[in-house]
Each structure stands twice: as structure tokens, then as C-alpha cells.
PDB file of N, CA and C in Angstrom:
ATOM      1  N   MET A   1      39.122  53.612   6.773  1.00  0.00           N
ATOM      2  CA  MET A   1      38.292  52.504   7.238  1.00  0.00           C
ATOM      3  C   MET A   1      39.233  51.377   7.662  1.00  0.00           C
ATOM      4  N   ILE A   2      38.792  50.695   8.692  1.00  0.00           N
ATOM      5  CA  ILE A   2      39.507  49.533   9.289  1.00  0.00           C
ATOM      6  C   ILE A   2      39.062  48.222   8.682  1.00  0.00           C
ATOM      7  N   LEU A   3      39.971  47.331   8.450  1.00  0.00           N
ATOM      8  CA  LEU A   3      39.638  45.978   8.060  1.00  0.00           C
ATOM      9  C   LEU A   3      40.019  45.015   9.207  1.00  0.00           C
ATOM     10  N   ALA A   4      39.071  44.209   9.580  1.00  0.00           N
ATOM     11  CA  ALA A   4      39.229  43.237  10.654  1.00  0.00           C
ATOM     12  C   ALA A   4      38.768  41.888  10.153  1.00  0.00           C
ATOM     13  N   PHE A   5      39.384  40.850  10.736  1.00  0.00           N
ATOM     14  CA  PHE A   5      38.937  39.434  10.529  1.00  0.00           C
ATOM     15  C   PHE A   5      38.470  38.829  11.777  1.00  0.00           C
ATOM     16  N   SER A   6      37.325  38.115  11.707  1.00  0.00           N
ATOM     17  CA  SER A   6      36.878  37.343  12.824  1.00  0.00           C
ATOM     18  C   SER A   6      37.862  36.174  13.064  1.00  0.00           C
ATOM     19  N   ARG A   7      37.766  35.585  14.189  1.00  0.00           N
ATOM     20  CA  ARG A   7      38.646  34.380  14.468  1.00  0.00           C
ATOM     21  C   ARG A   7      38.276  33.274  13.457  1.00  0.00           C
ATOM     22  N   GLU A   8      37.014  33.150  13.183  1.00  0.00           N
ATOM     23  CA  GLU A   8      36.577  32.123  12.204  1.00  0.00           C
ATOM     24  C   GLU A   8      37.150  32.303  10.889  1.00  0.00           C
ATOM     25  N   ALA A   9      37.162  33.554  10.401  1.00  0.00           N
ATOM     26  CA  ALA A   9      37.708  33.893   9.060  1.00  0.00           C
ATOM     27  C   ALA A   9      39.238  33.666   9.046  1.00  0.00           C
ATOM     28  N   GLU A  10      39.905  33.999  10.146  1.00  0.00           N
ATOM     29  CA  GLU A  10      41.382  33.747  10.207  1.00  0.00           C
ATOM     30  C   GLU A  10      41.602  32.216  10.139  1.00  0.00           C
ATOM     31  N   ASN A  11      40.840  31.433  10.886  1.00  0.00           N
ATOM     32  CA  ASN A  11      40.938  30.003  10.850  1.00  0.00           C
ATOM     33  C   ASN A  11      40.647  29.407   9.417  1.00  0.00           C
ATOM     34  N   GLU A  12      39.638  29.932   8.806  1.00  0.00           N
ATOM     35  CA  GLU A  12      39.319  29.491   7.561  1.00  0.00           C
ATOM     36  C   GLU A  12      40.407  29.827   6.535  1.00  0.00           C
ATOM     37  N   LEU A  13      41.021  30.968   6.593  1.00  0.00           N
ATOM     38  CA  LEU A  13      42.131  31.284   5.701  1.00  0.00           C
ATOM     39  C   LEU A  13      43.234  30.268   5.874  1.00  0.00           C
ATOM     40  N   GLU A  14      43.620  29.929   7.144  1.00  0.00           N
ATOM     41  CA  GLU A  14      44.643  28.961   7.404  1.00  0.00           C
ATOM     42  C   GLU A  14      44.241  27.594   6.844  1.00  0.00           C
ATOM     43  N   GLN A  15      43.000  27.185   7.021  1.00  0.00           N
ATOM     44  CA  GLN A  15      42.580  25.894   6.525  1.00  0.00           C
ATOM     45  C   GLN A  15      42.619  25.864   4.956  1.00  0.00           C
ATOM     46  N   ILE A  16      42.257  26.917   4.266  1.00  0.00           N
ATOM     47  CA  ILE A  16      42.325  27.042   2.838  1.00  0.00           C
ATOM     48  C   ILE A  16      43.761  26.881   2.361  1.00  0.00           C
ATOM     49  N   ALA A  17      44.647  27.641   3.066  1.00  0.00           N
ATOM     50  CA  ALA A  17      46.050  27.550   2.687  1.00  0.00           C
ATOM     51  C   ALA A  17      46.645  26.140   2.907  1.00  0.00           C
ATOM     52  N   ASP A  18      46.285  25.532   4.047  1.00  0.00           N
ATOM     53  CA  ASP A  18      46.729  24.151   4.259  1.00  0.00           C
ATOM     54  C   ASP A  18      46.287  23.160   3.259  1.00  0.00           C
ATOM     55  N   TYR A  19      45.001  23.290   2.866  1.00  0.00           N
ATOM     56  CA  TYR A  19      44.404  22.408   1.935  1.00  0.00           C
ATOM     57  C   TYR A  19      45.116  22.541   0.591  1.00  0.00           C
ATOM     58  N   ILE A  20      45.365  23.752   0.127  1.00  0.00           N
ATOM     59  CA  ILE A  20      46.043  23.912  -1.183  1.00  0.00           C
ATOM     60  C   ILE A  20      47.488  23.527  -1.088  1.00  0.00           C
ATOM     61  N   ALA A  21      48.130  23.759  -0.001  1.00  0.00           N
ATOM     62  CA  ALA A  21      49.548  23.501   0.240  1.00  0.00           C
ATOM     63  C   ALA A  21      49.850  21.961   0.140  1.00  0.00           C
ATOM     64  N   GLU A  22      48.868  21.122   0.424  1.00  0.00           N
ATOM     65  CA  GLU A  22      49.022  19.718   0.332  1.00  0.00           C
ATOM     66  C   GLU A  22      49.355  19.350  -1.083  1.00  0.00           C
ATOM     67  N   ARG A  23      48.933  20.074  -2.046  1.00  0.00           N
ATOM     68  CA  ARG A  23      49.110  19.791  -3.505  1.00  0.00           C
ATOM     69  C   ARG A  23      50.188  20.731  -4.051  1.00  0.00           C
ATOM     70  N   ASN A  24      50.137  21.981  -3.694  1.00  0.00           N
ATOM     71  CA  ASN A  24      51.043  22.961  -4.321  1.00  0.00           C
ATOM     72  C   ASN A  24      51.330  24.070  -3.347  1.00  0.00           C
ATOM     73  N   PRO A  25      52.375  23.997  -2.550  1.00  0.00           N
ATOM     74  CA  PRO A  25      52.747  24.942  -1.530  1.00  0.00           C
ATOM     75  C   PRO A  25      52.952  26.374  -2.084  1.00  0.00           C
ATOM     76  N   ARG A  26      53.503  26.469  -3.185  1.00  0.00           N
ATOM     77  CA  ARG A  26      53.736  27.816  -3.761  1.00  0.00           C
ATOM     78  C   ARG A  26      52.363  28.469  -4.116  1.00  0.00           C
ATOM     79  N   ARG A  27      51.449  27.645  -4.676  1.00  0.00           N
ATOM     80  CA  ARG A  27      50.122  28.255  -4.982  1.00  0.00           C
ATOM     81  C   ARG A  27      49.367  28.587  -3.719  1.00  0.00           C
ATOM     82  N   ALA A  28      49.574  27.875  -2.700  1.00  0.00           N
ATOM     83  CA  ALA A  28      48.843  28.201  -1.428  1.00  0.00           C
ATOM     84  C   ALA A  28      49.187  29.552  -1.005  1.00  0.00           C
ATOM     85  N   LEU A  29      50.455  29.979  -1.014  1.00  0.00           N
ATOM     86  CA  LEU A  29      50.821  31.304  -0.652  1.00  0.00           C
ATOM     87  C   LEU A  29      50.285  32.350  -1.537  1.00  0.00           C
ATOM     88  N   SER A  30      50.392  32.159  -2.824  1.00  0.00           N
ATOM     89  CA  SER A  30      49.922  33.141  -3.752  1.00  0.00           C
ATOM     90  C   SER A  30      48.310  33.262  -3.708  1.00  0.00           C
ATOM     91  N   PHE A  31      47.682  32.138  -3.547  1.00  0.00           N
ATOM     92  CA  PHE A  31      46.172  32.210  -3.458  1.00  0.00           C
ATOM     93  C   PHE A  31      45.780  32.926  -2.119  1.00  0.00           C
ATOM     94  N   LEU A  32      46.478  32.680  -1.053  1.00  0.00           N
ATOM     95  CA  LEU A  32      46.188  33.295   0.248  1.00  0.00           C
ATOM     96  C   LEU A  32      46.342  34.780   0.040  1.00  0.00           C
ATOM     97  N   ARG A  33      47.441  35.213  -0.635  1.00  0.00           N
ATOM     98  CA  ARG A  33      47.673  36.701  -0.898  1.00  0.00           C
ATOM     99  C   ARG A  33      46.515  37.266  -1.677  1.00  0.00           C
ATOM    100  N   GLU A  34      46.068  36.534  -2.735  1.00  0.00           N
ATOM    101  CA  GLU A  34      44.963  36.968  -3.537  1.00  0.00           C
ATOM    102  C   GLU A  34      43.629  37.143  -2.722  1.00  0.00           C
ATOM    103  N   LEU A  35      43.409  36.183  -1.884  1.00  0.00           N
ATOM    104  CA  LEU A  35      42.186  36.225  -1.037  1.00  0.00           C
ATOM    105  C   LEU A  35      42.261  37.438  -0.114  1.00  0.00           C
ATOM    106  N   GLN A  36      43.446  37.625   0.526  1.00  0.00           N
ATOM    107  CA  GLN A  36      43.601  38.785   1.411  1.00  0.00           C
ATOM    108  C   GLN A  36      43.462  40.129   0.667  1.00  0.00           C
ATOM    109  N   SER A  37      44.008  40.134  -0.533  1.00  0.00           N
ATOM    110  CA  SER A  37      43.842  41.341  -1.315  1.00  0.00           C
ATOM    111  C   SER A  37      42.389  41.680  -1.705  1.00  0.00           C
ATOM    112  N   SER A  38      41.604  40.604  -1.991  1.00  0.00           N
ATOM    113  CA  SER A  38      40.182  40.783  -2.239  1.00  0.00           C
ATOM    114  C   SER A  38      39.481  41.310  -1.046  1.00  0.00           C
ATOM    115  N   CYS A  39      39.895  40.845   0.104  1.00  0.00           N
ATOM    116  CA  CYS A  39      39.318  41.394   1.420  1.00  0.00           C
ATOM    117  C   CYS A  39      39.703  42.852   1.561  1.00  0.00           C
ATOM    118  N   GLU A  40      40.981  43.221   1.325  1.00  0.00           N
ATOM    119  CA  GLU A  40      41.388  44.590   1.424  1.00  0.00           C
ATOM    120  C   GLU A  40      40.623  45.474   0.477  1.00  0.00           C
ATOM    121  N   ASP A  41      40.345  44.984  -0.730  1.00  0.00           N
ATOM    122  CA  ASP A  41      39.657  45.844  -1.753  1.00  0.00           C
ATOM    123  C   ASP A  41      38.250  46.159  -1.278  1.00  0.00           C
ATOM    124  N   ILE A  42      37.605  45.293  -0.485  1.00  0.00           N
ATOM    125  CA  ILE A  42      36.330  45.618   0.004  1.00  0.00           C
ATOM    126  C   ILE A  42      36.191  46.882   0.711  1.00  0.00           C
ATOM    127  N   VAL A  43      37.289  47.269   1.461  1.00  0.00           N
ATOM    128  CA  VAL A  43      37.309  48.490   2.261  1.00  0.00           C
ATOM    129  C   VAL A  43      37.102  49.720   1.339  1.00  0.00           C
ATOM    130  N   VAL A  44      37.564  49.701   0.147  1.00  0.00           N
ATOM    131  CA  VAL A  44      37.469  50.803  -0.743  1.00  0.00           C
ATOM    132  C   VAL A  44      35.980  51.199  -1.064  1.00  0.00           C
ATOM    133  N   ASN A  45      35.212  50.179  -1.215  1.00  0.00           N
ATOM    134  CA  ASN A  45      33.756  50.365  -1.496  1.00  0.00           C
ATOM    135  C   ASN A  45      32.987  49.150  -0.961  1.00  0.00           C
ATOM    136  N   PRO A  46      32.722  49.155   0.324  1.00  0.00           N
ATOM    137  CA  PRO A  46      32.037  47.983   0.907  1.00  0.00           C
ATOM    138  C   PRO A  46      30.658  47.685   0.387  1.00  0.00           C
ATOM    139  N   ASN A  47      30.020  48.704  -0.123  1.00  0.00           N
ATOM    140  CA  ASN A  47      28.624  48.514  -0.629  1.00  0.00           C
ATOM    141  C   ASN A  47      28.598  48.025  -2.048  1.00  0.00           C
ATOM    142  N   ALA A  48      29.769  47.807  -2.679  1.00  0.00           N
ATOM    143  CA  ALA A  48      29.827  47.360  -4.016  1.00  0.00           C
ATOM    144  C   ALA A  48      29.380  45.907  -4.271  1.00  0.00           C
ATOM    145  N   PHE A  49      29.364  45.179  -3.153  1.00  0.00           N
ATOM    146  CA  PHE A  49      29.021  43.760  -3.218  1.00  0.00           C
ATOM    147  C   PHE A  49      27.635  43.510  -2.540  1.00  0.00           C
ATOM    148  N   ALA A  50      26.907  42.610  -3.109  1.00  0.00           N
ATOM    149  CA  ALA A  50      25.565  42.340  -2.777  1.00  0.00           C
ATOM    150  C   ALA A  50      25.406  41.780  -1.339  1.00  0.00           C
ATOM    151  N   LEU A  51      24.262  42.105  -0.744  1.00  0.00           N
ATOM    152  CA  LEU A  51      23.865  41.443   0.468  1.00  0.00           C
ATOM    153  C   LEU A  51      23.498  40.027   0.132  1.00  0.00           C
ATOM    154  N   VAL A  52      23.674  39.134   1.127  1.00  0.00           N
ATOM    155  CA  VAL A  52      23.342  37.742   0.969  1.00  0.00           C
ATOM    156  C   VAL A  52      21.848  37.567   0.638  1.00  0.00           C
ATOM    157  N   PRO A  53      21.534  36.948  -0.500  1.00  0.00           N
ATOM    158  CA  PRO A  53      20.120  36.859  -0.850  1.00  0.00           C
ATOM    159  C   PRO A  53      19.301  36.011   0.237  1.00  0.00           C
ATOM    160  N   ARG A  54      18.152  36.466   0.486  1.00  0.00           N
ATOM    161  CA  ARG A  54      17.185  35.947   1.473  1.00  0.00           C
ATOM    162  C   ARG A  54      17.494  36.383   2.859  1.00  0.00           C
ATOM    163  N   TYR A  55      18.695  36.909   3.103  1.00  0.00           N
ATOM    164  CA  TYR A  55      19.109  37.278   4.448  1.00  0.00           C
ATOM    165  C   TYR A  55      19.517  38.764   4.502  1.00  0.00           C
ATOM    166  N   GLU A  56      19.010  39.564   3.663  1.00  0.00           N
ATOM    167  CA  GLU A  56      19.361  40.980   3.539  1.00  0.00           C
ATOM    168  C   GLU A  56      19.231  41.685   4.913  1.00  0.00           C
ATOM    169  N   HIS A  57      18.319  41.325   5.715  1.00  0.00           N
ATOM    170  CA  HIS A  57      18.059  42.003   6.964  1.00  0.00           C
ATOM    171  C   HIS A  57      19.165  41.824   7.946  1.00  0.00           C
ATOM    172  N   HIS A  58      20.098  40.821   7.743  1.00  0.00           N
ATOM    173  CA  HIS A  58      21.265  40.590   8.572  1.00  0.00           C
ATOM    174  C   HIS A  58      22.430  41.483   8.170  1.00  0.00           C
ATOM    175  N   GLN A  59      22.274  42.137   7.018  1.00  0.00           N
ATOM    176  CA  GLN A  59      23.320  43.084   6.635  1.00  0.00           C
ATOM    177  C   GLN A  59      24.694  42.423   6.411  1.00  0.00           C
ATOM    178  N   ILE A  60      24.652  41.190   5.865  1.00  0.00           N
ATOM    179  CA  ILE A  60      25.914  40.476   5.513  1.00  0.00           C
ATOM    180  C   ILE A  60      26.048  40.536   4.039  1.00  0.00           C
ATOM    181  N   HIS A  61      27.229  41.014   3.622  1.00  0.00           N
ATOM    182  CA  HIS A  61      27.518  41.070   2.217  1.00  0.00           C
ATOM    183  C   HIS A  61      28.360  39.842   1.800  1.00  0.00           C
ATOM    184  N   ARG A  62      28.445  39.653   0.480  1.00  0.00           N
ATOM    185  CA  ARG A  62      29.211  38.504  -0.003  1.00  0.00           C
ATOM    186  C   ARG A  62      29.930  38.885  -1.240  1.00  0.00           C
ATOM    187  N   ARG A  63      31.240  38.589  -1.269  1.00  0.00           N
ATOM    188  CA  ARG A  63      32.090  38.842  -2.428  1.00  0.00           C
ATOM    189  C   ARG A  63      32.634  37.464  -2.904  1.00  0.00           C
ATOM    190  N   VAL A  64      32.546  37.208  -4.162  1.00  0.00           N
ATOM    191  CA  VAL A  64      33.073  36.024  -4.764  1.00  0.00           C
ATOM    192  C   VAL A  64      34.557  36.153  -5.107  1.00  0.00           C
ATOM    193  N   HIS A  65      35.301  35.167  -4.730  1.00  0.00           N
ATOM    194  CA  HIS A  65      36.748  35.112  -5.150  1.00  0.00           C
ATOM    195  C   HIS A  65      37.023  33.665  -5.564  1.00  0.00           C
ATOM    196  N   GLY A  66      37.007  33.466  -6.808  1.00  0.00           N
ATOM    197  CA  GLY A  66      37.222  32.107  -7.349  1.00  0.00           C
ATOM    198  C   GLY A  66      36.103  31.167  -6.869  1.00  0.00           C
ATOM    199  N   ASN A  67      36.499  30.058  -6.246  1.00  0.00           N
ATOM    200  CA  ASN A  67      35.479  29.127  -5.674  1.00  0.00           C
ATOM    201  C   ASN A  67      35.055  29.496  -4.300  1.00  0.00           C
ATOM    202  N   TYR A  68      35.520  30.613  -3.774  1.00  0.00           N
ATOM    203  CA  TYR A  68      35.304  30.983  -2.357  1.00  0.00           C
ATOM    204  C   TYR A  68      34.403  32.214  -2.288  1.00  0.00           C
ATOM    205  N   LEU A  69      33.713  32.274  -1.096  1.00  0.00           N
ATOM    206  CA  LEU A  69      32.830  33.380  -0.868  1.00  0.00           C
ATOM    207  C   LEU A  69      33.337  34.073   0.417  1.00  0.00           C
ATOM    208  N   ILE A  70      33.497  35.402   0.296  1.00  0.00           N
ATOM    209  CA  ILE A  70      33.992  36.187   1.394  1.00  0.00           C
ATOM    210  C   ILE A  70      32.711  36.938   1.965  1.00  0.00           C
ATOM    211  N   PHE A  71      32.377  36.618   3.207  1.00  0.00           N
ATOM    212  CA  PHE A  71      31.244  37.192   3.852  1.00  0.00           C
ATOM    213  C   PHE A  71      31.714  38.282   4.879  1.00  0.00           C
ATOM    214  N   TYR A  72      31.040  39.420   4.825  1.00  0.00           N
ATOM    215  CA  TYR A  72      31.462  40.512   5.675  1.00  0.00           C
ATOM    216  C   TYR A  72      30.313  41.464   6.050  1.00  0.00           C
ATOM    217  N   ARG A  73      30.523  42.189   7.126  1.00  0.00           N
ATOM    218  CA  ARG A  73      29.642  43.316   7.590  1.00  0.00           C
ATOM    219  C   ARG A  73      30.435  44.555   7.537  1.00  0.00           C
ATOM    220  N   ALA A  74      29.743  45.626   7.164  1.00  0.00           N
ATOM    221  CA  ALA A  74      30.468  46.943   7.147  1.00  0.00           C
ATOM    222  C   ALA A  74      29.597  48.002   7.759  1.00  0.00           C
ATOM    223  N   ASP A  75      30.292  48.926   8.480  1.00  0.00           N
ATOM    224  CA  ASP A  75      29.680  50.187   8.940  1.00  0.00           C
ATOM    225  C   ASP A  75      30.538  51.321   8.394  1.00  0.00           C
ATOM    226  N   SER A  76      30.303  52.442   8.897  1.00  0.00           N
ATOM    227  CA  SER A  76      31.012  53.692   8.430  1.00  0.00           C
ATOM    228  C   SER A  76      32.491  53.647   8.795  1.00  0.00           C
ATOM    229  N   ALA A  77      32.843  52.880   9.795  1.00  0.00           N
ATOM    230  CA  ALA A  77      34.306  52.884  10.277  1.00  0.00           C
ATOM    231  C   ALA A  77      35.049  51.603  10.034  1.00  0.00           C
ATOM    232  N   LYS A  78      34.305  50.481   9.828  1.00  0.00           N
ATOM    233  CA  LYS A  78      35.013  49.210   9.807  1.00  0.00           C
ATOM    234  C   LYS A  78      34.328  48.183   8.970  1.00  0.00           C
ATOM    235  N   VAL A  79      35.182  47.270   8.288  1.00  0.00           N
ATOM    236  CA  VAL A  79      34.687  46.159   7.599  1.00  0.00           C
ATOM    237  C   VAL A  79      35.221  44.949   8.387  1.00  0.00           C
ATOM    238  N   VAL A  80      34.339  44.029   8.662  1.00  0.00           N
ATOM    239  CA  VAL A  80      34.681  42.771   9.407  1.00  0.00           C
ATOM    240  C   VAL A  80      34.429  41.644   8.490  1.00  0.00           C
ATOM    241  N   ILE A  81      35.496  40.899   8.199  1.00  0.00           N
ATOM    242  CA  ILE A  81      35.359  39.640   7.461  1.00  0.00           C
ATOM    243  C   ILE A  81      34.872  38.606   8.418  1.00  0.00           C
ATOM    244  N   ILE A  82      33.724  38.099   8.168  1.00  0.00           N
ATOM    245  CA  ILE A  82      33.051  37.114   9.080  1.00  0.00           C
ATOM    246  C   ILE A  82      33.502  35.646   8.808  1.00  0.00           C
ATOM    247  N   HIS A  83      33.374  35.330   7.505  1.00  0.00           N
ATOM    248  CA  HIS A  83      33.730  33.954   7.073  1.00  0.00           C
ATOM    249  C   HIS A  83      34.315  33.997   5.669  1.00  0.00           C
ATOM    250  N   ILE A  84      35.146  32.998   5.334  1.00  0.00           N
ATOM    251  CA  ILE A  84      35.584  32.768   4.038  1.00  0.00           C
ATOM    252  C   ILE A  84      35.409  31.311   3.724  1.00  0.00           C
ATOM    253  N   LEU A  85      34.403  31.019   2.945  1.00  0.00           N
ATOM    254  CA  LEU A  85      33.907  29.674   2.715  1.00  0.00           C
ATOM    255  C   LEU A  85      33.937  29.199   1.298  1.00  0.00           C
ATOM    256  N   HIS A  86      34.148  27.960   1.074  1.00  0.00           N
ATOM    257  CA  HIS A  86      34.049  27.358  -0.279  1.00  0.00           C
ATOM    258  C   HIS A  86      32.646  27.604  -0.751  1.00  0.00           C
ATOM    259  N   GLY A  87      32.423  27.855  -2.007  1.00  0.00           N
ATOM    260  CA  GLY A  87      31.115  28.133  -2.547  1.00  0.00           C
ATOM    261  C   GLY A  87      30.136  26.959  -2.434  1.00  0.00           C
ATOM    262  N   ALA A  88      30.639  25.735  -2.240  1.00  0.00           N
ATOM    263  CA  ALA A  88      29.702  24.650  -2.101  1.00  0.00           C
ATOM    264  C   ALA A  88      29.263  24.476  -0.654  1.00  0.00           C
ATOM    265  N   THR A  89      29.801  25.251   0.233  1.00  0.00           N
ATOM    266  CA  THR A  89      29.396  25.118   1.661  1.00  0.00           C
ATOM    267  C   THR A  89      27.941  25.707   1.892  1.00  0.00           C
ATOM    268  N   ASP A  90      27.263  24.975   2.779  1.00  0.00           N
ATOM    269  CA  ASP A  90      25.890  25.407   3.073  1.00  0.00           C
ATOM    270  C   ASP A  90      26.028  26.559   4.140  1.00  0.00           C
ATOM    271  N   TYR A  91      26.234  27.826   3.572  1.00  0.00           N
ATOM    272  CA  TYR A  91      26.423  28.896   4.520  1.00  0.00           C
ATOM    273  C   TYR A  91      25.228  29.248   5.349  1.00  0.00           C
ATOM    274  N   GLY A  92      23.975  28.943   4.822  1.00  0.00           N
ATOM    275  CA  GLY A  92      22.767  29.182   5.578  1.00  0.00           C
ATOM    276  C   GLY A  92      22.848  28.443   6.902  1.00  0.00           C
ATOM    277  N   ALA A  93      23.365  27.220   6.966  1.00  0.00           N
ATOM    278  CA  ALA A  93      23.445  26.471   8.178  1.00  0.00           C
ATOM    279  C   ALA A  93      24.473  27.104   9.137  1.00  0.00           C
ATOM    280  N   ILE A  94      25.537  27.582   8.581  1.00  0.00           N
ATOM    281  CA  ILE A  94      26.584  28.253   9.400  1.00  0.00           C
ATOM    282  C   ILE A  94      26.155  29.504  10.028  1.00  0.00           C
ATOM    283  N   PHE A  95      25.517  30.344   9.213  1.00  0.00           N
ATOM    284  CA  PHE A  95      25.125  31.647   9.687  1.00  0.00           C
ATOM    285  C   PHE A  95      23.764  31.684  10.472  1.00  0.00           C
ATOM    286  N   PHE A  96      22.777  30.895   9.965  1.00  0.00           N
ATOM    287  CA  PHE A  96      21.466  31.029  10.440  1.00  0.00           C
ATOM    288  C   PHE A  96      20.852  29.778  11.001  1.00  0.00           C
ATOM    289  N   GLY A  97      21.626  28.745  11.162  1.00  0.00           N
ATOM    290  CA  GLY A  97      21.165  27.451  11.709  1.00  0.00           C
ATOM    291  C   GLY A  97      20.118  26.718  10.926  1.00  0.00           C
ATOM    292  N   GLU A  98      20.091  26.913   9.583  1.00  0.00           N
ATOM    293  CA  GLU A  98      19.144  26.206   8.815  1.00  0.00           C
ATOM    294  C   GLU A  98      19.540  24.850   8.406  1.00  0.00           C
TER     295      GLU A  98
END
């Protein structure tokens, strides 16, 4: 199975690393590796993580990593990381214009 990142997710990873690096550059690198590893682990069993509540019909799953939420879609051949957002973010507005 292939793992892919949307442009938005790639940008969000960079923003997360930049934010943490302002206070602790070493931790920024290790946290980024942890986030990426969590994304890679999704490929092993993409259905292990719940669909986003209230939006199940969109087939977007969510995995928690610390204070961040990894949003993705999966089919039989590929997992696409759509967004990686802080848990306090209004993801409904980002995904569904609410």
C-alpha cells in the first residue's frame, strides 16, 4: 500500500515543525519524525482508526497523535494524509465549510 501526503498536509507538517523549532529545534525534528511514523503506521491497518464523527459518509478517518489529529482517506491501494491539524482547530470549517 502506498502512503501519500496532500500539499496541505505537507505544509502543515512544515508549520508544526517551525512552530516547535522556535522553542526547541531538537524536539521539532524528533516530533516531526514521530508524526511521520504515525502516518506510516496507518498503512498497516488503515481501518483501525475511526471515521470522523458526524461526517462518516465522507470516508475521512482520524488518528490522534499527541495534540494533533491526522486526517486521511484510504482505499485498497493507497492512504492519503489530507490534513494534520492541532486538536483545537475547527476541522469542520476546514473540511466542510461549517
